[in-house]
Amino acid sequence: MDVTADGERLLLVSVNAASELSLVVCELPACTNRRDFDAPPDLRPPVQWTPDDQAIAYVDTTRANIWSLPLDGSPPLKITHFTETVPGRAIADYAWSRDGQHLAIVRATTTEDIVLLSGL
């Protein structure tokens, strides 16, 4: 869930009975003018507004790049262009600066080592 910077619109991710995602945008405070959007097949929550409040930003299912889905129905646009293939490296979080000119991204590498200690 995310609210535009001016506090006028709400963005929600909805999941139906078949576990399919859709995006819901509505006007606040009463959630009037509800608009439902099919989520791109590679969308993975969390989602948030872009700085201009005209598109929805999301991380793709590979967690490698951030995309922008314009509300005008245009196809998604790739915001980041990370190309290296480090196993386990993924975008964990992201946020824009207040002026919308900079994007901070947290990229992390997950390790799944298991150690068994016995006979201590």
N, C-alpha and C. Protein backbone atom coordinates (compact mmCIF):
# COMPACT_ATOMS: atom_id res chain seq x y z
N MET A 1 0.85 -1.16 0.00
CA MET A 1 0.00 0.00 0.00
C MET A 1 0.90 1.24 0.00
N ASP A 2 0.51 2.24 -0.80
CA ASP A 2 1.28 3.48 -0.86
C ASP A 2 0.32 4.62 -1.18
N VAL A 3 0.63 5.80 -0.68
CA VAL A 3 -0.18 7.00 -0.91
C VAL A 3 0.69 8.00 -1.67
N THR A 4 0.09 8.70 -2.63
CA THR A 4 0.84 9.71 -3.38
C THR A 4 1.35 10.79 -2.45
N ALA A 5 2.37 11.54 -2.89
CA ALA A 5 2.99 12.58 -2.07
C ALA A 5 1.98 13.65 -1.65
N ASP A 6 0.99 13.92 -2.52
CA ASP A 6 -0.01 14.93 -2.17
C ASP A 6 -1.15 14.36 -1.31
N GLY A 7 -1.12 13.05 -1.03
CA GLY A 7 -2.12 12.42 -0.18
C GLY A 7 -3.47 12.23 -0.82
N GLU A 8 -3.54 12.34 -2.16
CA GLU A 8 -4.84 12.28 -2.83
C GLU A 8 -5.21 10.91 -3.39
N ARG A 9 -4.22 10.03 -3.62
CA ARG A 9 -4.52 8.71 -4.20
C ARG A 9 -3.84 7.60 -3.42
N LEU A 10 -4.51 6.46 -3.41
CA LEU A 10 -4.03 5.27 -2.72
C LEU A 10 -3.73 4.18 -3.74
N LEU A 11 -2.67 3.44 -3.51
CA LEU A 11 -2.28 2.32 -4.36
C LEU A 11 -2.27 1.06 -3.51
N LEU A 12 -2.97 0.03 -3.97
CA LEU A 12 -3.02 -1.26 -3.27
C LEU A 12 -2.72 -2.39 -4.23
N VAL A 13 -2.17 -3.47 -3.70
CA VAL A 13 -2.01 -4.71 -4.46
C VAL A 13 -3.10 -5.64 -3.98
N SER A 14 -3.87 -6.18 -4.92
CA SER A 14 -4.96 -7.09 -4.60
C SER A 14 -4.62 -8.48 -5.11
N VAL A 15 -5.01 -9.51 -4.36
CA VAL A 15 -4.76 -10.89 -4.76
C VAL A 15 -6.11 -11.61 -4.83
N ASN A 16 -6.40 -12.23 -5.98
CA ASN A 16 -7.67 -12.95 -6.09
C ASN A 16 -7.53 -14.39 -5.61
N ALA A 17 -8.62 -15.16 -5.73
CA ALA A 17 -8.63 -16.55 -5.23
C ALA A 17 -7.62 -17.43 -5.95
N ALA A 18 -7.26 -17.08 -7.18
CA ALA A 18 -6.29 -17.86 -7.96
C ALA A 18 -4.86 -17.36 -7.73
N SER A 19 -4.66 -16.50 -6.73
CA SER A 19 -3.36 -15.92 -6.38
C SER A 19 -2.79 -15.02 -7.48
N GLU A 20 -3.66 -14.44 -8.30
CA GLU A 20 -3.23 -13.50 -9.33
C GLU A 20 -3.26 -12.09 -8.74
N LEU A 21 -2.24 -11.31 -9.06
CA LEU A 21 -2.13 -9.95 -8.53
C LEU A 21 -2.81 -8.95 -9.46
N SER A 22 -3.42 -7.94 -8.86
CA SER A 22 -3.90 -6.79 -9.62
C SER A 22 -3.58 -5.56 -8.79
N LEU A 23 -3.59 -4.40 -9.43
CA LEU A 23 -3.29 -3.14 -8.77
C LEU A 23 -4.57 -2.31 -8.70
N VAL A 24 -4.80 -1.68 -7.57
CA VAL A 24 -5.98 -0.86 -7.35
C VAL A 24 -5.51 0.55 -7.02
N VAL A 25 -6.05 1.53 -7.74
CA VAL A 25 -5.78 2.95 -7.49
C VAL A 25 -7.11 3.62 -7.23
N CYS A 26 -7.19 4.41 -6.16
CA CYS A 26 -8.43 5.12 -5.88
C CYS A 26 -8.15 6.47 -5.23
N GLU A 27 -9.14 7.36 -5.33
CA GLU A 27 -9.03 8.71 -4.77
C GLU A 27 -9.36 8.66 -3.28
N LEU A 28 -8.59 9.40 -2.50
CA LEU A 28 -8.85 9.49 -1.05
C LEU A 28 -9.69 10.72 -0.75
N PRO A 29 -10.44 10.76 0.34
CA PRO A 29 -10.38 9.85 1.47
C PRO A 29 -11.31 8.65 1.38
N ALA A 30 -12.27 8.63 0.47
CA ALA A 30 -13.29 7.58 0.49
C ALA A 30 -13.05 6.48 -0.54
N CYS A 31 -11.88 6.45 -1.16
CA CYS A 31 -11.54 5.47 -2.20
C CYS A 31 -12.55 5.52 -3.35
N THR A 32 -12.85 6.73 -3.81
CA THR A 32 -13.74 6.91 -4.95
C THR A 32 -12.94 6.78 -6.24
N ASN A 33 -13.63 6.64 -7.35
CA ASN A 33 -13.00 6.51 -8.68
C ASN A 33 -12.01 5.35 -8.73
N ARG A 34 -12.38 4.23 -8.16
CA ARG A 34 -11.48 3.06 -8.14
C ARG A 34 -11.15 2.62 -9.55
N ARG A 35 -9.85 2.38 -9.79
CA ARG A 35 -9.37 1.85 -11.07
C ARG A 35 -8.56 0.60 -10.78
N ASP A 36 -8.87 -0.47 -11.49
CA ASP A 36 -8.14 -1.73 -11.35
C ASP A 36 -7.25 -1.93 -12.56
N PHE A 37 -6.02 -2.36 -12.32
CA PHE A 37 -5.05 -2.61 -13.38
C PHE A 37 -4.56 -4.04 -13.25
N ASP A 38 -4.41 -4.71 -14.39
CA ASP A 38 -3.77 -6.02 -14.36
C ASP A 38 -2.30 -5.81 -14.01
N ALA A 39 -1.82 -6.58 -13.09
CA ALA A 39 -0.41 -6.49 -12.73
C ALA A 39 0.43 -7.14 -13.81
N PRO A 40 1.56 -6.55 -14.18
CA PRO A 40 2.46 -7.21 -15.13
C PRO A 40 2.85 -8.59 -14.57
N PRO A 41 3.07 -9.56 -15.44
CA PRO A 41 3.39 -10.91 -14.94
C PRO A 41 4.67 -10.97 -14.13
N ASP A 42 5.56 -10.01 -14.30
CA ASP A 42 6.82 -10.04 -13.55
C ASP A 42 6.79 -9.15 -12.30
N LEU A 43 5.62 -8.62 -11.92
CA LEU A 43 5.53 -7.75 -10.75
C LEU A 43 5.66 -8.55 -9.46
N ARG A 44 6.44 -7.97 -8.56
CA ARG A 44 6.57 -8.54 -7.22
C ARG A 44 6.46 -7.40 -6.22
N PRO A 45 5.53 -7.51 -5.25
CA PRO A 45 5.43 -6.45 -4.24
C PRO A 45 6.72 -6.34 -3.45
N PRO A 46 7.03 -5.20 -2.86
CA PRO A 46 6.16 -4.04 -2.70
C PRO A 46 6.15 -3.16 -3.94
N VAL A 47 5.08 -2.39 -4.05
CA VAL A 47 4.94 -1.41 -5.13
C VAL A 47 4.85 -0.03 -4.50
N GLN A 48 5.20 0.99 -5.27
CA GLN A 48 5.08 2.36 -4.78
C GLN A 48 4.93 3.32 -5.95
N TRP A 49 4.48 4.51 -5.64
CA TRP A 49 4.34 5.54 -6.65
C TRP A 49 5.71 6.02 -7.11
N THR A 50 5.81 6.40 -8.38
CA THR A 50 7.00 7.09 -8.86
C THR A 50 6.91 8.54 -8.37
N PRO A 51 8.01 9.29 -8.40
CA PRO A 51 7.99 10.66 -7.86
C PRO A 51 6.94 11.58 -8.49
N ASP A 52 6.60 11.36 -9.76
CA ASP A 52 5.61 12.23 -10.41
C ASP A 52 4.17 11.75 -10.19
N ASP A 53 3.98 10.65 -9.46
CA ASP A 53 2.67 10.07 -9.16
C ASP A 53 1.89 9.67 -10.42
N GLN A 54 2.59 9.47 -11.54
CA GLN A 54 1.93 9.08 -12.78
C GLN A 54 2.18 7.63 -13.16
N ALA A 55 2.93 6.92 -12.33
CA ALA A 55 3.25 5.52 -12.63
C ALA A 55 3.47 4.77 -11.32
N ILE A 56 3.46 3.46 -11.43
CA ILE A 56 3.66 2.58 -10.29
C ILE A 56 5.01 1.89 -10.47
N ALA A 57 5.86 1.97 -9.46
CA ALA A 57 7.17 1.33 -9.51
C ALA A 57 7.09 -0.02 -8.81
N TYR A 58 7.81 -0.99 -9.37
CA TYR A 58 7.84 -2.33 -8.77
C TYR A 58 9.16 -3.01 -9.10
N VAL A 59 9.49 -4.03 -8.34
CA VAL A 59 10.67 -4.84 -8.59
C VAL A 59 10.21 -6.07 -9.34
N ASP A 60 10.98 -6.49 -10.36
CA ASP A 60 10.58 -7.66 -11.12
C ASP A 60 10.78 -8.95 -10.31
N THR A 61 10.23 -10.04 -10.80
CA THR A 61 10.26 -11.30 -10.05
C THR A 61 11.67 -11.83 -9.83
N THR A 62 12.62 -11.43 -10.65
CA THR A 62 14.01 -11.86 -10.43
C THR A 62 14.67 -11.01 -9.36
N ARG A 63 14.00 -9.92 -8.93
CA ARG A 63 14.49 -8.96 -7.93
C ARG A 63 15.77 -8.27 -8.43
N ALA A 64 15.97 -8.23 -9.76
CA ALA A 64 17.18 -7.66 -10.33
C ALA A 64 17.03 -6.19 -10.72
N ASN A 65 15.82 -5.77 -11.13
CA ASN A 65 15.62 -4.41 -11.62
C ASN A 65 14.29 -3.83 -11.17
N ILE A 66 14.22 -2.50 -11.21
CA ILE A 66 13.00 -1.77 -10.87
C ILE A 66 12.36 -1.30 -12.17
N TRP A 67 11.05 -1.44 -12.24
CA TRP A 67 10.27 -1.07 -13.42
C TRP A 67 9.22 -0.03 -13.04
N SER A 68 8.73 0.67 -14.06
CA SER A 68 7.69 1.68 -13.88
C SER A 68 6.51 1.30 -14.78
N LEU A 69 5.31 1.23 -14.20
CA LEU A 69 4.09 0.94 -14.96
C LEU A 69 3.27 2.21 -15.04
N PRO A 70 3.27 2.90 -16.21
CA PRO A 70 2.51 4.15 -16.33
C PRO A 70 1.01 3.91 -16.20
N LEU A 71 0.30 4.84 -15.56
CA LEU A 71 -1.14 4.72 -15.39
C LEU A 71 -1.91 4.96 -16.68
N ASP A 72 -1.26 5.51 -17.70
CA ASP A 72 -1.95 5.79 -18.96
C ASP A 72 -2.09 4.55 -19.86
N GLY A 73 -1.66 3.39 -19.37
CA GLY A 73 -1.79 2.16 -20.14
C GLY A 73 -0.58 1.82 -21.00
N SER A 74 0.44 2.65 -20.99
CA SER A 74 1.67 2.36 -21.73
C SER A 74 2.35 1.14 -21.14
N PRO A 75 3.19 0.47 -21.93
CA PRO A 75 3.91 -0.69 -21.38
C PRO A 75 4.90 -0.29 -20.29
N PRO A 76 5.26 -1.24 -19.42
CA PRO A 76 6.23 -0.95 -18.36
C PRO A 76 7.57 -0.49 -18.92
N LEU A 77 8.24 0.38 -18.17
CA LEU A 77 9.56 0.90 -18.54
C LEU A 77 10.57 0.47 -17.49
N LYS A 78 11.73 0.05 -17.93
CA LYS A 78 12.79 -0.36 -17.02
C LYS A 78 13.48 0.89 -16.46
N ILE A 79 13.52 1.02 -15.13
CA ILE A 79 14.15 2.17 -14.49
C ILE A 79 15.63 1.90 -14.24
N THR A 80 15.94 0.72 -13.71
CA THR A 80 17.34 0.36 -13.47
C THR A 80 17.79 -0.64 -14.52
N HIS A 81 19.09 -0.74 -14.71
CA HIS A 81 19.63 -1.62 -15.74
C HIS A 81 20.81 -2.42 -15.19
N PHE A 82 20.57 -3.13 -14.09
CA PHE A 82 21.62 -3.98 -13.53
C PHE A 82 21.74 -5.22 -14.40
N THR A 83 22.95 -5.54 -14.81
CA THR A 83 23.15 -6.67 -15.73
C THR A 83 24.00 -7.79 -15.16
N GLU A 84 24.76 -7.52 -14.11
CA GLU A 84 25.62 -8.59 -13.59
C GLU A 84 24.75 -9.71 -13.01
N THR A 85 25.28 -10.89 -13.02
CA THR A 85 24.52 -12.04 -12.56
C THR A 85 25.19 -12.67 -11.35
N VAL A 86 25.17 -11.96 -10.24
CA VAL A 86 25.72 -12.49 -9.00
C VAL A 86 24.63 -13.34 -8.36
N PRO A 87 24.88 -14.63 -8.17
CA PRO A 87 23.85 -15.48 -7.58
C PRO A 87 23.40 -14.96 -6.22
N GLY A 88 22.10 -14.88 -6.04
CA GLY A 88 21.55 -14.45 -4.76
C GLY A 88 21.43 -12.95 -4.58
N ARG A 89 22.03 -12.13 -5.45
CA ARG A 89 21.94 -10.68 -5.30
C ARG A 89 20.55 -10.22 -5.74
N ALA A 90 19.91 -9.43 -4.90
CA ALA A 90 18.55 -8.99 -5.20
C ALA A 90 18.30 -7.60 -4.63
N ILE A 91 17.35 -6.90 -5.24
CA ILE A 91 16.94 -5.60 -4.70
C ILE A 91 16.06 -5.88 -3.49
N ALA A 92 16.50 -5.39 -2.34
CA ALA A 92 15.76 -5.62 -1.11
C ALA A 92 14.79 -4.47 -0.81
N ASP A 93 15.16 -3.25 -1.21
CA ASP A 93 14.32 -2.08 -0.97
C ASP A 93 14.80 -0.94 -1.84
N TYR A 94 13.96 0.08 -2.00
CA TYR A 94 14.32 1.26 -2.78
C TYR A 94 13.45 2.44 -2.35
N ALA A 95 13.96 3.65 -2.56
CA ALA A 95 13.21 4.86 -2.21
C ALA A 95 13.77 6.04 -2.99
N TRP A 96 12.87 6.96 -3.34
CA TRP A 96 13.29 8.18 -4.03
C TRP A 96 13.59 9.28 -3.03
N SER A 97 14.48 10.20 -3.43
CA SER A 97 14.73 11.39 -2.62
C SER A 97 13.46 12.26 -2.65
N ARG A 98 13.36 13.19 -1.72
CA ARG A 98 12.17 14.04 -1.64
C ARG A 98 11.90 14.81 -2.93
N ASP A 99 12.99 15.22 -3.62
CA ASP A 99 12.80 15.97 -4.86
C ASP A 99 12.60 15.06 -6.07
N GLY A 100 12.67 13.74 -5.88
CA GLY A 100 12.44 12.79 -6.95
C GLY A 100 13.58 12.67 -7.94
N GLN A 101 14.72 13.28 -7.65
CA GLN A 101 15.84 13.28 -8.59
C GLN A 101 16.81 12.12 -8.39
N HIS A 102 16.75 11.47 -7.23
CA HIS A 102 17.68 10.39 -6.92
C HIS A 102 16.92 9.17 -6.42
N LEU A 103 17.48 8.02 -6.68
CA LEU A 103 16.88 6.76 -6.26
C LEU A 103 17.91 5.99 -5.44
N ALA A 104 17.57 5.67 -4.20
CA ALA A 104 18.43 4.86 -3.35
C ALA A 104 17.96 3.41 -3.44
N ILE A 105 18.91 2.51 -3.62
CA ILE A 105 18.57 1.10 -3.79
C ILE A 105 19.41 0.26 -2.83
N VAL A 106 18.76 -0.64 -2.14
CA VAL A 106 19.46 -1.60 -1.28
C VAL A 106 19.49 -2.91 -2.04
N ARG A 107 20.71 -3.35 -2.36
CA ARG A 107 20.88 -4.65 -3.02
C ARG A 107 21.64 -5.55 -2.06
N ALA A 108 21.15 -6.74 -1.88
CA ALA A 108 21.74 -7.65 -0.90
C ALA A 108 21.96 -9.02 -1.53
N THR A 109 22.89 -9.74 -0.95
CA THR A 109 23.15 -11.11 -1.37
C THR A 109 22.74 -12.04 -0.25
N THR A 110 21.93 -13.00 -0.59
CA THR A 110 21.46 -13.96 0.40
C THR A 110 22.31 -15.21 0.33
N THR A 111 22.72 -15.66 1.47
CA THR A 111 23.45 -16.93 1.53
C THR A 111 22.61 -17.92 2.32
N GLU A 112 22.75 -19.15 1.96
CA GLU A 112 21.96 -20.18 2.61
C GLU A 112 22.85 -21.34 3.06
N ASP A 113 23.93 -20.99 3.73
CA ASP A 113 24.82 -22.02 4.25
C ASP A 113 24.22 -22.65 5.49
N ILE A 114 24.37 -23.93 5.61
CA ILE A 114 23.90 -24.65 6.78
C ILE A 114 25.09 -25.31 7.44
N VAL A 115 25.18 -25.16 8.73
CA VAL A 115 26.28 -25.77 9.48
C VAL A 115 25.66 -26.65 10.56
N LEU A 116 26.09 -27.87 10.64
CA LEU A 116 25.61 -28.77 11.66
C LEU A 116 26.77 -29.04 12.65
N LEU A 117 26.52 -28.71 13.90
CA LEU A 117 27.48 -28.99 14.96
C LEU A 117 26.90 -30.13 15.80
N SER A 118 27.66 -31.18 15.95
CA SER A 118 27.17 -32.30 16.76
C SER A 118 28.26 -32.82 17.66
N GLY A 119 27.86 -33.53 18.69
CA GLY A 119 28.80 -34.15 19.60
C GLY A 119 29.58 -33.18 20.45
N LEU A 120 28.99 -32.04 20.75
CA LEU A 120 29.70 -31.04 21.55
C LEU A 120 29.67 -31.37 23.01
